[in-house]
Structure formats: C-alpha cells, structure tokens
Protein backbone atom coordinates (compact mmCIF):
# COMPACT_ATOMS: atom_id res chain seq x y z
CA MET A 1 326.29 49.24 31.91
CA ILE A 2 326.45 52.36 33.97
CA SER A 3 322.73 52.21 34.67
CA LYS A 4 323.00 48.64 36.00
CA HIS A 5 325.72 49.54 38.48
CA SER A 6 324.04 52.73 39.60
CA SER A 7 320.73 50.93 40.14
CA LEU A 8 322.45 48.24 42.17
CA ARG A 9 324.17 50.79 44.35
CA GLY A 10 320.95 52.74 44.78
CA GLY A 11 319.12 49.58 45.81
CA ALA A 12 321.79 48.70 48.32
CA ARG A 13 321.59 52.17 49.81
CA ARG A 14 317.83 51.92 50.04
CA TYR A 15 318.01 48.62 51.95
CA GLY A 16 320.83 49.97 54.11
CA ARG A 17 318.70 52.93 55.10
CA ARG A 18 315.75 50.68 55.87
CA GLY A 19 317.94 48.54 58.07
CA GLN A 20 319.39 51.59 59.76
CA THR A 21 315.90 52.97 60.44
CA LEU A 22 314.78 49.61 61.82
CA VAL A 23 317.76 49.50 64.17
CA GLU A 24 317.06 53.06 65.32
CA TYR A 25 313.44 52.21 66.08
CA ALA A 26 314.52 49.08 67.96
CA LEU A 27 316.95 51.12 70.06
CA ILE A 28 314.26 53.69 70.86
CA LEU A 29 311.84 50.92 71.84
CA ALA A 30 314.46 49.29 74.05
CA PHE A 31 315.21 52.62 75.74
CA ILE A 32 311.49 53.21 76.42
CA ALA A 33 311.17 49.71 77.86
CA VAL A 34 314.14 50.23 80.18
CA VAL A 35 312.75 53.57 81.38
CA ALA A 36 309.28 52.06 81.93
CA ILE A 37 310.72 49.18 83.95
CA GLY A 38 312.75 51.61 86.04
CA VAL A 39 309.72 53.78 86.75
CA LEU A 40 307.60 50.77 87.69
CA MET A 41 310.29 49.47 90.02
CA ALA A 42 310.66 52.89 91.66
CA LEU A 43 306.92 53.37 92.12
CA GLY A 44 306.06 49.74 92.80
CA GLY A 45 305.98 50.07 96.57
CA SER A 46 303.68 53.08 96.60
CA VAL A 47 301.34 51.52 94.04
CA LYS A 48 301.18 48.31 96.10
CA THR A 49 300.38 50.32 99.24
CA THR A 50 297.67 52.28 97.45
CA PHE A 51 295.98 49.10 96.19
CA ALA A 52 296.21 47.50 99.64
CA ASN A 53 294.60 50.55 101.27
CA THR A 54 291.85 50.59 98.64
CA ASN A 55 291.22 46.89 99.21
CA VAL A 56 290.90 47.42 102.98
CA GLN A 57 288.51 50.33 102.48
CA LEU A 58 286.35 48.36 100.05
CA SER A 59 286.25 45.37 102.41
CA THR A 60 285.30 47.60 105.34
CA ALA A 61 282.58 49.33 103.30
CA GLN A 62 281.20 45.98 102.15
CA LEU A 63 281.09 44.58 105.68
CA GLY A 64 279.46 47.78 106.95
CA GLY A 65 276.85 47.61 104.23
CA VAL A 66 276.02 43.97 105.07
CA ALA A 67 275.78 44.74 108.79
CA ALA A 68 273.48 47.70 108.09
CA GLN A 69 271.21 45.53 105.92
CA ARG A 70 270.91 42.93 108.68
CA GLY A 71 270.10 45.56 111.25
CA GLY A 72 273.36 45.13 113.11
CA GLY A 73 274.70 48.59 112.04
C-alpha cells in the first residue's frame, strides 16, 4: 500500500511542476509581449517618419529616372 500512495503523490508533484513551469513560461511570454508593444509604441513615430522619407526618396528617384529616359532630364 505504501507504494501506491507514494506513486500517487509523486505523480501529483510531477504534474504540479509541469503546470508551474507552463505558468512561468506564459508569464515570461506575456512580459516579452508587453515590452515589445511598449518599444514599438515608443519608436513608432520615428519608424513611420523613416518609411515616409524613404518612400519620398524612391518616388523622386523613379520620376528622375523616367524623365532622364525620355530626354527631359
């Protein structure tokens, strides 16, 4: 009888540890997500400005290339 009780307790501990580990990983993942969202919100304006400037430069280069091909350069 002792072996039955000890195996049941050992199994419960094993599942308890798995659940505890799962919760810890979930908390770490949630923390990383919160930090990532915060960083993106903080840098969002500068990233938007950078993409807008790049878009303007690409548009200007494309229009200049077309004008040069037509002889209007």
